[in-house]
Amino acid sequence: MTFSPLLSIIVPCYNAEKYIDQCVNSILASEFQDFELLLIDDGSKSGCEYLKIYEKTDHRVKVFSQQNRGVSAARNLGLEYSSGEWVTFIDADDFISPSFLDELICLTYIWPSADIIHAGCTNYWSQGNQSIEQQYMPSDKLPSKSEIFKRCRGLVPSKLFRKEIIKNNAILFDERMKIGEDLVFTLEYLKYIRSGVFSPAVGYYYRRHPQSTTAKPRINYAQKLYEYKRTSQAVFDAAYALSIPSSDLTIRSRQLGKQLIDTIFDLYRSNSSQREERSIEHIKNDFKSTDFDIIEPSSFSFPKRIFAYLLKSKHFTAFDILSHILFKLK
């Protein structure tokens, strides 16, 4: 008999031996049980045998393996083999409460037209401390698409996605991105939704520790430039598809403005062979005039506010001189 679950849970795993027990056991102990659990080994150094233990003890667990290609490729492989009506993602060092999945799935019955279910999450620190990172308030009506666009967090864990929408529109994680791939995936998905729901559940425990991918990002201007442009395109494509008024682009525009300045600063942090001592030419060539219009100087603290103003006003020479001085002093 073919097992057709309501929910597919995709967990990318890379050298995850330290935390995988807590992650998998929390999923298997869920009050909601109609799921398949896809453990995707992303070329762990010790192989995937530590994952196959779970496959042998529970028929809902499936293990797949690939050469090390990153979390996006692992999630894409999971999507390829998933068979559930809904899909969610859990990171191998995170875990969930027993009621978390049930709280989300219940909303799919209460609001059958909802194509995405958003929940908050709880930070879980290495010392065992906990703090709610974000919690949505319950509502007795569906939010507007504009509200979903503004309030939706980029991270794909703590969300439910319809597999049919992902499959029919060939939505995949961008394997070239190191940071921000979650947001781009979510924004591309939002283009095709009818409606969505925000859940007050916070039973997703997001582990915070120094080894996190985002803890020490590598400085690479070419990579940052690609990620900025990819994210920027995804934001405006989603806004267009959802008919989002320009007044509701404020939060996303501020996020992009900060990402833009951080990207340009990475050019000045790069070694001299990368920037070729011609940073100002890179800025003019790599960005469009409209990119600088999204910068809101007031959203920055001093002294970044000065740099934000110079870019928004397109005073590139002054920005270039000050930036060279700043990063030469460091």
Protein backbone atom coordinates (compact mmCIF):
# COMPACT_ATOMS: atom_id res chain seq x y z
CA MET A 1 0.00 0.00 0.00
CA THR A 2 1.37 3.43 -1.00
CA PHE A 3 1.78 5.86 1.90
CA SER A 4 0.35 9.26 0.91
CA PRO A 5 0.88 11.66 3.81
CA LEU A 6 -0.79 15.02 4.31
CA LEU A 7 2.52 16.66 5.19
CA SER A 8 6.11 16.28 3.97
CA ILE A 9 8.79 17.44 6.41
CA ILE A 10 12.16 18.16 4.80
CA VAL A 11 15.26 18.27 7.01
CA PRO A 12 18.62 19.05 5.32
CA CYS A 13 21.48 17.46 7.26
CA TYR A 14 25.20 18.22 7.12
CA ASN A 15 27.40 16.82 9.91
CA ALA A 16 24.29 17.00 12.06
CA GLU A 17 25.11 14.21 14.52
CA LYS A 18 25.21 16.54 17.53
CA TYR A 19 21.60 17.73 17.31
CA ILE A 20 19.76 15.36 14.97
CA ASP A 21 18.42 13.15 17.76
CA GLN A 22 16.57 16.03 19.38
CA CYS A 23 15.31 17.24 16.01
CA VAL A 24 14.01 13.89 14.72
CA ASN A 25 12.61 12.74 18.06
CA SER A 26 10.67 15.98 18.46
CA ILE A 27 9.10 15.42 15.02
CA LEU A 28 8.24 11.77 15.65
CA ALA A 29 6.69 12.75 19.00
CA SER A 30 4.33 15.23 17.35
CA GLU A 31 0.63 15.06 18.17
CA PHE A 32 0.07 15.30 14.42
CA GLN A 33 1.23 12.04 12.86
CA ASP A 34 0.18 12.07 9.18
CA PHE A 35 3.55 13.00 7.73
CA GLU A 36 6.62 11.73 5.97
CA LEU A 37 10.03 12.82 7.20
CA LEU A 38 12.68 13.30 4.51
CA LEU A 39 16.22 13.47 5.92
CA ILE A 40 18.53 14.82 3.21
CA ASP A 41 22.20 14.11 3.83
CA ASP A 42 24.24 16.88 2.20
CA GLY A 43 27.51 14.98 1.97
CA SER A 44 28.22 14.64 5.69
CA LYS A 45 31.86 13.73 6.36
CA SER A 46 30.87 10.59 8.23
CA GLY A 47 28.33 9.54 5.62
CA CYS A 48 24.60 9.13 6.14
CA GLU A 49 24.54 5.99 8.30
CA TYR A 50 23.65 8.02 11.38
CA LEU A 51 20.42 9.01 9.60
CA LYS A 52 19.49 5.55 8.38
CA ILE A 53 18.95 4.45 11.98
CA TYR A 54 15.71 6.47 11.96
CA GLU A 55 14.68 5.04 8.59
CA LYS A 56 14.96 1.52 9.98
CA THR A 57 12.78 2.23 13.00
CA ASP A 58 9.94 4.30 11.46
CA HIS A 59 8.38 3.72 8.03
CA ARG A 60 7.64 7.44 7.65
CA VAL A 61 11.34 8.35 7.64
CA LYS A 62 13.16 8.41 4.29
CA VAL A 63 16.87 9.14 3.87
CA PHE A 64 18.38 10.59 0.70
CA SER A 65 21.99 11.51 0.10
CA GLN A 66 23.90 13.85 -2.21
CA GLN A 67 27.39 15.25 -2.52
CA ASN A 68 27.90 18.40 -0.47
CA ARG A 69 26.11 21.15 -2.40
CA GLY A 70 24.57 23.24 0.36
CA VAL A 71 21.25 23.61 2.13
CA SER A 72 19.36 24.90 -0.92
CA ALA A 73 20.30 21.87 -3.01
CA ALA A 74 19.34 19.58 -0.12
CA ARG A 75 15.94 21.21 0.19
CA ASN A 76 15.42 20.98 -3.57
CA LEU A 77 16.17 17.26 -3.44
CA GLY A 78 13.65 16.92 -0.64
CA LEU A 79 11.03 18.72 -2.72
CA GLU A 80 11.71 16.36 -5.61
CA TYR A 81 10.94 13.29 -3.50
CA SER A 82 8.19 14.75 -1.30
CA SER A 83 4.67 13.41 -1.76
CA GLY A 84 2.62 15.33 0.81
CA GLU A 85 -0.12 17.82 0.07
CA TRP A 86 1.73 20.30 2.28
CA VAL A 87 5.47 20.85 2.76
CA THR A 88 7.41 22.29 5.66
CA PHE A 89 11.12 22.63 6.41
CA ILE A 90 12.95 22.05 9.67
CA ASP A 91 16.68 22.60 10.16
CA ALA A 92 18.66 19.70 11.61
CA ASP A 93 19.80 21.66 14.67
CA ASP A 94 16.29 22.91 15.49
CA PHE A 95 13.33 21.12 17.06
CA ILE A 96 9.58 21.54 17.55
CA SER A 97 7.02 21.22 20.34
CA PRO A 98 4.57 18.28 20.31
CA SER A 99 1.64 20.52 19.34
CA PHE A 100 3.37 22.70 16.74
CA LEU A 101 2.51 20.80 13.55
CA ASP A 102 -1.03 20.12 14.74
CA GLU A 103 -1.62 23.84 15.34
CA LEU A 104 -0.55 24.64 11.78
CA ILE A 105 -2.41 21.80 10.08
CA CYS A 106 -5.64 22.70 11.89
CA LEU A 107 -5.59 26.08 10.18
CA THR A 108 -5.60 24.42 6.76
CA TYR A 109 -9.05 22.99 7.61
CA ILE A 110 -10.37 26.20 9.18
CA TRP A 111 -9.20 28.26 6.19
CA PRO A 112 -9.26 25.91 3.15
CA SER A 113 -8.40 28.73 0.72
CA ALA A 114 -5.15 29.51 2.56
CA ASP A 115 -2.10 28.51 0.53
CA ILE A 116 0.52 29.41 3.13
CA ILE A 117 0.47 29.10 6.92
CA HIS A 118 2.91 31.32 8.82
CA ALA A 119 3.94 30.74 12.43
CA GLY A 120 6.39 32.46 14.71
CA CYS A 121 9.34 30.82 16.44
CA THR A 122 11.26 30.70 19.70
CA ASN A 123 14.98 31.33 19.93
CA TYR A 124 16.82 28.55 21.74
CA TRP A 125 20.28 29.53 22.90
CA SER A 126 23.17 27.18 23.56
CA GLN A 127 22.89 27.81 27.30
CA GLY A 128 19.25 26.67 27.24
CA ASN A 129 17.79 30.17 27.39
CA GLN A 130 14.65 30.80 25.35
CA SER A 131 13.02 33.90 23.93
CA ILE A 132 10.16 34.35 21.48
CA GLU A 133 11.57 35.84 18.29
CA GLN A 134 8.23 36.53 16.67
CA GLN A 135 4.64 35.70 17.45
CA TYR A 136 1.63 36.52 15.30
CA MET A 137 -1.67 37.41 16.93
CA PRO A 138 -4.70 35.19 16.15
CA SER A 139 -7.31 36.63 13.80
CA ASP A 140 -10.88 35.79 12.85
CA LYS A 141 -10.39 36.86 9.24
CA LEU A 142 -7.93 36.26 6.43
CA PRO A 143 -5.24 38.91 6.01
CA SER A 144 -4.94 40.81 2.74
CA LYS A 145 -2.19 39.88 0.30
CA SER A 146 -0.55 43.20 1.06
CA GLU A 147 -0.49 42.34 4.77
CA ILE A 148 1.00 38.92 4.02
CA PHE A 149 3.67 40.54 1.84
CA LYS A 150 4.62 42.99 4.59
CA ARG A 151 4.50 40.66 7.62
CA CYS A 152 5.81 37.40 6.19
CA ARG A 153 9.25 36.47 7.54
CA GLY A 154 11.74 35.15 5.04
CA LEU A 155 12.77 31.97 6.85
CA VAL A 156 11.03 28.88 5.44
CA PRO A 157 10.95 26.90 8.71
CA SER A 158 7.73 27.49 10.69
CA LYS A 159 5.67 27.71 7.49
CA LEU A 160 3.44 25.35 5.52
CA PHE A 161 3.55 25.49 1.70
CA ARG A 162 1.24 23.72 -0.74
CA LYS A 163 3.22 21.19 -2.75
CA GLU A 164 0.94 21.70 -5.77
CA ILE A 165 1.86 25.39 -6.02
CA ILE A 166 5.58 24.60 -5.73
CA LYS A 167 5.38 21.88 -8.37
CA ASN A 168 3.11 23.68 -10.85
CA ASN A 169 5.26 26.81 -10.83
CA ALA A 170 8.68 25.11 -10.62
CA ILE A 171 9.63 27.01 -7.46
CA LEU A 172 13.05 25.98 -6.17
CA PHE A 173 15.70 27.32 -3.83
CA ASP A 174 18.43 29.27 -5.59
CA GLU A 175 21.53 27.13 -5.08
CA ARG A 176 23.86 30.03 -5.84
CA MET A 177 22.69 31.97 -2.79
CA LYS A 178 24.36 31.56 0.60
CA ILE A 179 22.21 34.07 2.49
CA GLY A 180 18.63 35.11 1.72
CA GLU A 181 17.60 32.04 -0.27
CA ASP A 182 14.69 31.47 2.14
CA LEU A 183 13.26 34.93 1.47
CA VAL A 184 13.56 34.57 -2.30
CA PHE A 185 11.82 31.17 -2.21
CA THR A 186 9.01 32.56 -0.04
CA LEU A 187 8.53 35.65 -2.21
CA GLU A 188 8.38 33.57 -5.38
CA TYR A 189 5.81 31.32 -3.72
CA LEU A 190 3.67 34.28 -2.61
CA LYS A 191 3.12 35.28 -6.24
CA TYR A 192 0.75 32.32 -6.68
CA ILE A 193 -1.23 32.24 -3.44
CA ARG A 194 -4.95 32.92 -3.03
CA SER A 195 -4.61 33.82 0.65
CA GLY A 196 -2.66 32.92 3.76
CA VAL A 197 -2.98 32.66 7.54
CA PHE A 198 -0.81 33.74 10.46
CA SER A 199 -0.68 31.30 13.37
CA PRO A 200 0.08 32.35 16.97
CA ALA A 201 2.09 29.12 17.40
CA VAL A 202 5.71 29.58 18.51
CA GLY A 203 6.62 25.91 18.98
CA TYR A 204 9.42 25.96 16.42
CA TYR A 205 12.69 26.21 18.39
CA TYR A 206 15.35 27.96 16.36
CA ARG A 207 18.75 27.10 17.79
CA ARG A 208 21.11 30.03 18.12
CA HIS A 209 24.81 29.24 18.47
CA PRO A 210 28.18 30.52 17.18
CA GLN A 211 28.32 27.79 14.53
CA SER A 212 25.16 29.05 12.78
CA THR A 213 25.49 29.68 9.02
CA THR A 214 24.67 33.35 9.54
CA ALA A 215 27.04 33.84 12.50
CA LYS A 216 30.18 34.68 10.49
CA PRO A 217 29.32 35.42 6.87
CA ARG A 218 32.30 35.42 4.52
CA ILE A 219 33.08 38.67 2.78
CA ASN A 220 32.69 38.16 -0.96
CA TYR A 221 31.52 41.12 -2.99
CA ALA A 222 30.55 39.16 -6.12
CA GLN A 223 28.45 36.79 -4.02
CA LYS A 224 26.81 39.63 -2.10
CA LEU A 225 26.08 41.48 -5.33
CA TYR A 226 24.32 38.44 -6.80
CA GLU A 227 22.29 37.93 -3.63
CA TYR A 228 21.24 41.58 -3.51
CA LYS A 229 20.10 41.60 -7.13
CA ARG A 230 18.30 38.26 -6.77
CA THR A 231 16.49 39.42 -3.63
CA SER A 232 15.64 42.80 -5.13
CA GLN A 233 14.12 41.18 -8.22
CA ALA A 234 12.11 38.75 -6.07
CA VAL A 235 10.72 41.57 -3.92
CA PHE A 236 9.50 43.66 -6.84
CA ASP A 237 8.23 40.66 -8.82
CA ALA A 238 6.15 39.56 -5.84
CA ALA A 239 4.89 43.10 -5.25
CA TYR A 240 3.79 43.35 -8.89
CA ALA A 241 2.12 39.92 -8.90
CA LEU A 242 0.21 40.70 -5.70
CA SER A 243 -0.69 44.27 -6.78
CA ILE A 244 1.04 45.70 -3.71
CA PRO A 245 0.73 49.51 -3.57
CA SER A 246 4.02 51.39 -3.37
CA SER A 247 3.09 52.65 0.10
CA ASP A 248 3.23 49.05 1.35
CA LEU A 249 6.74 48.46 0.00
CA THR A 250 8.30 50.46 2.83
CA ILE A 251 9.48 47.58 5.04
CA ARG A 252 10.84 45.52 2.14
CA SER A 253 12.49 48.59 0.61
CA ARG A 254 14.25 49.35 3.88
CA GLN A 255 15.50 45.77 4.04
CA LEU A 256 16.81 46.05 0.49
CA GLY A 257 18.37 49.43 1.21
CA LYS A 258 20.34 47.99 4.12
CA GLN A 259 21.36 44.97 2.04
CA LEU A 260 22.51 47.31 -0.74
CA ILE A 261 24.78 49.32 1.55
CA ASP A 262 26.19 46.17 3.17
CA THR A 263 26.90 44.80 -0.31
CA ILE A 264 28.78 47.92 -1.33
CA PHE A 265 30.71 47.97 1.95
CA ASP A 266 31.82 44.42 1.17
CA LEU A 267 33.46 45.80 -1.97
CA TYR A 268 35.62 48.04 0.21
CA ARG A 269 36.37 45.22 2.65
CA SER A 270 37.53 42.99 -0.21
CA ASN A 271 41.20 42.70 -1.02
CA SER A 272 42.74 45.16 -3.48
CA SER A 273 42.79 42.67 -6.37
CA GLN A 274 39.00 42.28 -6.13
CA ARG A 275 38.20 45.97 -6.05
CA GLU A 276 41.10 46.92 -8.32
CA GLU A 277 41.32 50.21 -6.43
CA ARG A 278 38.40 51.40 -8.59
CA SER A 279 35.50 50.97 -6.19
CA ILE A 280 33.56 53.93 -7.51
CA GLU A 281 33.52 52.43 -11.01
CA HIS A 282 32.21 49.15 -9.63
CA ILE A 283 29.38 50.99 -7.88
CA LYS A 284 28.35 52.84 -11.03
CA ASN A 285 28.55 49.73 -13.20
CA ASP A 286 26.98 47.19 -10.83
CA PHE A 287 23.91 49.10 -9.69
CA LYS A 288 21.08 50.93 -11.39
CA SER A 289 20.14 54.48 -10.51
CA THR A 290 16.86 53.24 -9.03
CA ASP A 291 18.72 50.98 -6.60
CA PHE A 292 19.83 54.02 -4.65
CA ASP A 293 16.32 55.48 -4.53
CA ILE A 294 15.18 52.72 -2.14
CA ILE A 295 17.71 53.79 0.52
CA GLU A 296 16.14 55.50 3.52
CA PRO A 297 18.96 57.26 5.43
CA SER A 298 16.82 57.79 8.54
CA SER A 299 16.63 54.02 9.06
CA PHE A 300 20.38 53.87 9.72
CA SER A 301 22.28 54.85 12.84
CA PHE A 302 25.22 57.25 12.68
CA PRO A 303 27.71 57.05 10.90
CA LYS A 304 26.05 54.74 8.33
CA ARG A 305 23.40 57.41 7.91
CA ILE A 306 26.00 59.63 6.25
CA PHE A 307 26.98 56.90 3.81
CA ALA A 308 23.31 56.17 3.11
CA TYR A 309 22.66 59.83 2.35
CA LEU A 310 25.66 60.04 0.01
CA LEU A 311 24.49 57.00 -1.96
CA LYS A 312 20.86 58.09 -2.12
CA SER A 313 22.00 61.52 -3.34
CA LYS A 314 24.39 59.80 -5.77
CA HIS A 315 27.43 61.60 -4.39
CA PHE A 316 29.58 58.64 -5.37
CA THR A 317 32.95 60.39 -5.25
CA ALA A 318 32.44 61.54 -1.66
CA PHE A 319 31.17 58.09 -0.70
CA ASP A 320 34.21 56.49 -2.34
CA ILE A 321 36.72 58.73 -0.56
CA LEU A 322 35.12 58.29 2.86
CA SER A 323 34.79 54.53 2.42
CA HIS A 324 38.44 54.13 1.44
CA ILE A 325 39.42 56.12 4.52
CA LEU A 326 37.10 54.12 6.77
CA PHE A 327 38.28 50.69 5.66
CA LYS A 328 41.94 51.68 5.43
CA LEU A 329 41.81 52.67 9.08
CA LYS A 330 40.34 49.29 10.11
